[in-house]
PDB file of N, CA and C in Angstrom:
ATOM      1  N   MET A   1      -8.049 -27.507  15.629  1.00  0.00           N
ATOM      2  CA  MET A   1      -9.030 -26.821  14.807  1.00  0.00           C
ATOM      3  C   MET A   1      -8.841 -25.314  14.840  1.00  0.00           C
ATOM      4  N   ILE A   2      -8.496 -24.802  16.044  1.00  0.00           N
ATOM      5  CA  ILE A   2      -8.283 -23.377  16.201  1.00  0.00           C
ATOM      6  C   ILE A   2      -7.073 -22.946  15.379  1.00  0.00           C
ATOM      7  N   ARG A   3      -6.023 -23.743  15.393  1.00  0.00           N
ATOM      8  CA  ARG A   3      -4.831 -23.389  14.623  1.00  0.00           C
ATOM      9  C   ARG A   3      -5.114 -23.361  13.119  1.00  0.00           C
ATOM     10  N   LEU A   4      -5.968 -24.249  12.677  1.00  0.00           N
ATOM     11  CA  LEU A   4      -6.347 -24.281  11.251  1.00  0.00           C
ATOM     12  C   LEU A   4      -7.099 -22.984  10.884  1.00  0.00           C
ATOM     13  N   LEU A   5      -8.028 -22.582  11.744  1.00  0.00           N
ATOM     14  CA  LEU A   5      -8.772 -21.360  11.487  1.00  0.00           C
ATOM     15  C   LEU A   5      -7.853 -20.147  11.522  1.00  0.00           C
ATOM     16  N   TYR A   6      -6.897 -20.158  12.442  1.00  0.00           N
ATOM     17  CA  TYR A   6      -5.926 -19.056  12.499  1.00  0.00           C
ATOM     18  C   TYR A   6      -5.109 -18.996  11.218  1.00  0.00           C
ATOM     19  N   GLY A   7      -4.642 -20.137  10.744  1.00  0.00           N
ATOM     20  CA  GLY A   7      -3.888 -20.182   9.517  1.00  0.00           C
ATOM     21  C   GLY A   7      -4.710 -19.735   8.316  1.00  0.00           C
ATOM     22  N   LEU A   8      -5.962 -20.117   8.278  1.00  0.00           N
ATOM     23  CA  LEU A   8      -6.863 -19.684   7.185  1.00  0.00           C
ATOM     24  C   LEU A   8      -7.131 -18.206   7.226  1.00  0.00           C
ATOM     25  N   ALA A   9      -7.248 -17.647   8.431  1.00  0.00           N
ATOM     26  CA  ALA A   9      -7.461 -16.205   8.576  1.00  0.00           C
ATOM     27  C   ALA A   9      -6.268 -15.405   8.079  1.00  0.00           C
ATOM     28  N   VAL A  10      -5.077 -15.863   8.456  1.00  0.00           N
ATOM     29  CA  VAL A  10      -3.842 -15.207   7.979  1.00  0.00           C
ATOM     30  C   VAL A  10      -3.720 -15.315   6.464  1.00  0.00           C
ATOM     31  N   LEU A  11      -4.021 -16.484   5.930  1.00  0.00           N
ATOM     32  CA  LEU A  11      -3.955 -16.690   4.494  1.00  0.00           C
ATOM     33  C   LEU A  11      -4.993 -15.799   3.765  1.00  0.00           C
ATOM     34  N   ALA A  12      -6.181 -15.674   4.348  1.00  0.00           N
ATOM     35  CA  ALA A  12      -7.225 -14.807   3.729  1.00  0.00           C
ATOM     36  C   ALA A  12      -6.791 -13.350   3.696  1.00  0.00           C
ATOM     37  N   VAL A  13      -6.154 -12.874   4.754  1.00  0.00           N
ATOM     38  CA  VAL A  13      -5.667 -11.488   4.779  1.00  0.00           C
ATOM     39  C   VAL A  13      -4.599 -11.289   3.717  1.00  0.00           C
ATOM     40  N   ALA A  14      -3.678 -12.217   3.623  1.00  0.00           N
ATOM     41  CA  ALA A  14      -2.589 -12.122   2.644  1.00  0.00           C
ATOM     42  C   ALA A  14      -3.143 -12.164   1.187  1.00  0.00           C
ATOM     43  N   CYS A  15      -4.111 -13.052   0.975  1.00  0.00           N
ATOM     44  CA  CYS A  15      -4.716 -13.147  -0.370  1.00  0.00           C
ATOM     45  C   CYS A  15      -5.473 -11.881  -0.720  1.00  0.00           C
ATOM     46  N   ALA A  16      -6.187 -11.333   0.243  1.00  0.00           N
ATOM     47  CA  ALA A  16      -6.944 -10.110  -0.018  1.00  0.00           C
ATOM     48  C   ALA A  16      -5.997  -8.947  -0.371  1.00  0.00           C
ATOM     49  N   ALA A  17      -4.868  -8.871   0.337  1.00  0.00           N
ATOM     50  CA  ALA A  17      -3.905  -7.814   0.017  1.00  0.00           C
ATOM     51  C   ALA A  17      -3.308  -8.026  -1.362  1.00  0.00           C
ATOM     52  N   THR A  18      -3.051  -9.259  -1.739  1.00  0.00           N
ATOM     53  CA  THR A  18      -2.514  -9.555  -3.071  1.00  0.00           C
ATOM     54  C   THR A  18      -3.488  -9.196  -4.156  1.00  0.00           C
ATOM     55  N   VAL A  19      -4.736  -9.520  -3.951  1.00  0.00           N
ATOM     56  CA  VAL A  19      -5.770  -9.190  -4.952  1.00  0.00           C
ATOM     57  C   VAL A  19      -5.921  -7.669  -5.075  1.00  0.00           C
ATOM     58  N   ALA A  20      -5.908  -6.967  -3.925  1.00  0.00           N
ATOM     59  CA  ALA A  20      -6.021  -5.525  -3.945  1.00  0.00           C
ATOM     60  C   ALA A  20      -4.816  -4.885  -4.663  1.00  0.00           C
ATOM     61  N   ALA A  21      -3.633  -5.450  -4.445  1.00  0.00           N
ATOM     62  CA  ALA A  21      -2.433  -4.911  -5.122  1.00  0.00           C
ATOM     63  C   ALA A  21      -2.506  -5.187  -6.607  1.00  0.00           C
ATOM     64  N   SER A  22      -3.104  -6.306  -6.992  1.00  0.00           N
ATOM     65  CA  SER A  22      -3.198  -6.598  -8.439  1.00  0.00           C
ATOM     66  C   SER A  22      -4.169  -5.687  -9.173  1.00  0.00           C
ATOM     67  N   LEU A  23      -5.019  -4.999  -8.455  1.00  0.00           N
ATOM     68  CA  LEU A  23      -5.946  -4.056  -9.069  1.00  0.00           C
ATOM     69  C   LEU A  23      -5.357  -2.680  -9.308  1.00  0.00           C
ATOM     70  N   LEU A  24      -4.166  -2.432  -8.794  1.00  0.00           N
ATOM     71  CA  LEU A  24      -3.513  -1.143  -8.996  1.00  0.00           C
ATOM     72  C   LEU A  24      -3.091  -0.992 -10.462  1.00  0.00           C
ATOM     73  N   PRO A  25      -3.145   0.242 -10.997  1.00  0.00           N
ATOM     74  CA  PRO A  25      -2.788   0.459 -12.396  1.00  0.00           C
ATOM     75  C   PRO A  25      -1.294   0.494 -12.632  1.00  0.00           C
ATOM     76  N   VAL A  26      -0.618  -0.658 -12.518  1.00  0.00           N
ATOM     77  CA  VAL A  26       0.812  -0.767 -12.796  1.00  0.00           C
ATOM     78  C   VAL A  26       0.966  -1.486 -14.147  1.00  0.00           C
ATOM     79  N   THR A  27       1.714  -0.858 -15.042  1.00  0.00           N
ATOM     80  CA  THR A  27       1.815  -1.412 -16.398  1.00  0.00           C
ATOM     81  C   THR A  27       2.980  -2.376 -16.570  1.00  0.00           C
ATOM     82  N   ASP A  28       4.039  -2.212 -15.803  1.00  0.00           N
ATOM     83  CA  ASP A  28       5.201  -3.098 -15.924  1.00  0.00           C
ATOM     84  C   ASP A  28       4.924  -4.438 -15.223  1.00  0.00           C
ATOM     85  N   PRO A  29       4.997  -5.566 -15.912  1.00  0.00           N
ATOM     86  CA  PRO A  29       4.666  -6.853 -15.272  1.00  0.00           C
ATOM     87  C   PRO A  29       5.572  -7.219 -14.114  1.00  0.00           C
ATOM     88  N   THR A  30       6.860  -6.889 -14.221  1.00  0.00           N
ATOM     89  CA  THR A  30       7.785  -7.227 -13.147  1.00  0.00           C
ATOM     90  C   THR A  30       7.470  -6.415 -11.888  1.00  0.00           C
ATOM     91  N   THR A  31       7.182  -5.163 -12.062  1.00  0.00           N
ATOM     92  CA  THR A  31       6.823  -4.306 -10.929  1.00  0.00           C
ATOM     93  C   THR A  31       5.502  -4.773 -10.333  1.00  0.00           C
ATOM     94  N   ALA A  32       4.540  -5.121 -11.157  1.00  0.00           N
ATOM     95  CA  ALA A  32       3.264  -5.574 -10.652  1.00  0.00           C
ATOM     96  C   ALA A  32       3.386  -6.872  -9.877  1.00  0.00           C
ATOM     97  N   THR A  33       4.201  -7.794 -10.337  1.00  0.00           N
ATOM     98  CA  THR A  33       4.434  -9.053  -9.633  1.00  0.00           C
ATOM     99  C   THR A  33       5.130  -8.798  -8.313  1.00  0.00           C
ATOM    100  N   GLY A  34       6.140  -7.956  -8.315  1.00  0.00           N
ATOM    101  CA  GLY A  34       6.825  -7.601  -7.080  1.00  0.00           C
ATOM    102  C   GLY A  34       5.918  -6.934  -6.075  1.00  0.00           C
ATOM    103  N   LEU A  35       5.064  -6.067  -6.585  1.00  0.00           N
ATOM    104  CA  LEU A  35       4.093  -5.375  -5.725  1.00  0.00           C
ATOM    105  C   LEU A  35       3.122  -6.364  -5.088  1.00  0.00           C
ATOM    106  N   CYS A  36       2.640  -7.308  -5.838  1.00  0.00           N
ATOM    107  CA  CYS A  36       1.708  -8.334  -5.314  1.00  0.00           C
ATOM    108  C   CYS A  36       2.397  -9.199  -4.258  1.00  0.00           C
ATOM    109  N   ILE A  37       3.595  -9.604  -4.550  1.00  0.00           N
ATOM    110  CA  ILE A  37       4.346 -10.430  -3.596  1.00  0.00           C
ATOM    111  C   ILE A  37       4.629  -9.661  -2.324  1.00  0.00           C
ATOM    112  N   ALA A  38       5.036  -8.396  -2.458  1.00  0.00           N
ATOM    113  CA  ALA A  38       5.324  -7.574  -1.295  1.00  0.00           C
ATOM    114  C   ALA A  38       4.047  -7.309  -0.449  1.00  0.00           C
ATOM    115  N   ALA A  39       2.956  -7.045  -1.124  1.00  0.00           N
ATOM    116  CA  ALA A  39       1.712  -6.787  -0.413  1.00  0.00           C
ATOM    117  C   ALA A  39       1.250  -7.999   0.351  1.00  0.00           C
ATOM    118  N   GLY A  40       1.292  -9.163  -0.288  1.00  0.00           N
ATOM    119  CA  GLY A  40       0.904 -10.405   0.397  1.00  0.00           C
ATOM    120  C   GLY A  40       1.817 -10.753   1.557  1.00  0.00           C
ATOM    121  N   SER A  41       3.091 -10.542   1.369  1.00  0.00           N
ATOM    122  CA  SER A  41       4.062 -10.882   2.435  1.00  0.00           C
ATOM    123  C   SER A  41       3.888  -9.945   3.647  1.00  0.00           C
ATOM    124  N   VAL A  42       3.801  -8.674   3.385  1.00  0.00           N
ATOM    125  CA  VAL A  42       3.629  -7.703   4.484  1.00  0.00           C
ATOM    126  C   VAL A  42       2.297  -7.929   5.197  1.00  0.00           C
ATOM    127  N   ALA A  43       1.227  -8.148   4.422  1.00  0.00           N
ATOM    128  CA  ALA A  43      -0.064  -8.374   5.066  1.00  0.00           C
ATOM    129  C   ALA A  43      -0.070  -9.660   5.867  1.00  0.00           C
ATOM    130  N   GLY A  44       0.554 -10.708   5.365  1.00  0.00           N
ATOM    131  CA  GLY A  44       0.651 -11.947   6.122  1.00  0.00           C
ATOM    132  C   GLY A  44       1.412 -11.786   7.419  1.00  0.00           C
ATOM    133  N   LEU A  45       2.524 -11.055   7.338  1.00  0.00           N
ATOM    134  CA  LEU A  45       3.324 -10.780   8.536  1.00  0.00           C
ATOM    135  C   LEU A  45       2.534  -9.949   9.534  1.00  0.00           C
ATOM    136  N   LEU A  46       1.872  -8.930   9.057  1.00  0.00           N
ATOM    137  CA  LEU A  46       1.083  -8.104   9.967  1.00  0.00           C
ATOM    138  C   LEU A  46      -0.103  -8.842  10.568  1.00  0.00           C
ATOM    139  N   ALA A  47      -0.687  -9.731   9.791  1.00  0.00           N
ATOM    140  CA  ALA A  47      -1.819 -10.524  10.294  1.00  0.00           C
ATOM    141  C   ALA A  47      -1.361 -11.486  11.396  1.00  0.00           C
ATOM    142  N   THR A  48      -0.175 -12.024  11.286  1.00  0.00           N
ATOM    143  CA  THR A  48       0.314 -12.923  12.330  1.00  0.00           C
ATOM    144  C   THR A  48       0.604 -12.150  13.604  1.00  0.00           C
ATOM    145  N   THR A  49       0.936 -10.885  13.517  1.00  0.00           N
ATOM    146  CA  THR A  49       1.190 -10.121  14.731  1.00  0.00           C
ATOM    147  C   THR A  49      -0.101  -9.511  15.297  1.00  0.00           C
ATOM    148  N   TRP A  50      -1.091  -9.305  14.446  1.00  0.00           N
ATOM    149  CA  TRP A  50      -2.315  -8.652  14.888  1.00  0.00           C
ATOM    150  C   TRP A  50      -3.346  -9.659  15.398  1.00  0.00           C
ATOM    151  N   LEU A  51      -3.518 -10.782  14.727  1.00  0.00           N
ATOM    152  CA  LEU A  51      -4.490 -11.773  15.164  1.00  0.00           C
ATOM    153  C   LEU A  51      -3.955 -12.517  16.374  1.00  0.00           C
ATOM    154  N   PRO A  52      -4.832 -12.824  17.317  1.00  0.00           N
ATOM    155  CA  PRO A  52      -4.373 -13.542  18.516  1.00  0.00           C
ATOM    156  C   PRO A  52      -3.914 -14.950  18.171  1.00  0.00           C
ATOM    157  N   CYS A  53      -2.743 -15.313  18.651  1.00  0.00           N
ATOM    158  CA  CYS A  53      -2.163 -16.626  18.343  1.00  0.00           C
ATOM    159  C   CYS A  53      -2.835 -17.714  19.194  1.00  0.00           C
ATOM    160  N   PRO A  54      -3.253 -18.834  18.606  1.00  0.00           N
ATOM    161  CA  PRO A  54      -3.929 -19.881  19.364  1.00  0.00           C
ATOM    162  C   PRO A  54      -2.968 -20.608  20.313  1.00  0.00           C
ATOM    163  N   CYS A  55      -1.676 -20.501  20.113  1.00  0.00           N
ATOM    164  CA  CYS A  55      -0.756 -21.234  20.967  1.00  0.00           C
ATOM    165  C   CYS A  55      -0.556 -20.537  22.325  1.00  0.00           C
ATOM    166  N   HIS A  56      -1.070 -19.297  22.451  1.00  0.00           N
ATOM    167  CA  HIS A  56      -0.944 -18.590  23.715  1.00  0.00           C
ATOM    168  C   HIS A  56      -2.271 -18.481  24.451  1.00  0.00           C
ATOM    169  N   ARG A  57      -3.170 -19.421  24.194  1.00  0.00           N
ATOM    170  CA  ARG A  57      -4.458 -19.430  24.887  1.00  0.00           C
ATOM    171  C   ARG A  57      -4.267 -19.881  26.319  1.00  0.00           C
ATOM    172  N   LYS A  58      -5.088 -19.342  27.192  1.00  0.00           N
ATOM    173  CA  LYS A  58      -4.972 -19.662  28.619  1.00  0.00           C
ATOM    174  C   LYS A  58      -5.555 -21.039  28.996  1.00  0.00           C
ATOM    175  N   ASP A  59      -6.511 -21.529  28.155  1.00  0.00           N
ATOM    176  CA  ASP A  59      -7.139 -22.798  28.488  1.00  0.00           C
ATOM    177  C   ASP A  59      -6.403 -24.007  27.884  1.00  0.00           C
ATOM    178  N   ASN A  60      -5.256 -23.755  27.194  1.00  0.00           N
ATOM    179  CA  ASN A  60      -4.391 -24.784  26.645  1.00  0.00           C
ATOM    180  C   ASN A  60      -5.096 -25.766  25.696  1.00  0.00           C
ATOM    181  N   ARG A  61      -5.957 -25.303  24.884  1.00  0.00           N
ATOM    182  CA  ARG A  61      -6.623 -26.143  23.889  1.00  0.00           C
ATOM    183  C   ARG A  61      -5.923 -26.098  22.585  1.00  0.00           C
TER     184      ARG A  61
END
């Protein structure tokens, strides 16, 4: 259950970054798509390093 919540938290951070990037005033569709993908990818990567990983818990749950 903890791993599911961890995965949902990482997904929520990545989705929020993608939505925020889509609100930027970029007129070229290719650039806008690339920007959204990059923002979601970087945010997801950073969220996995920032949020505590459930697999390293001391109580082994």
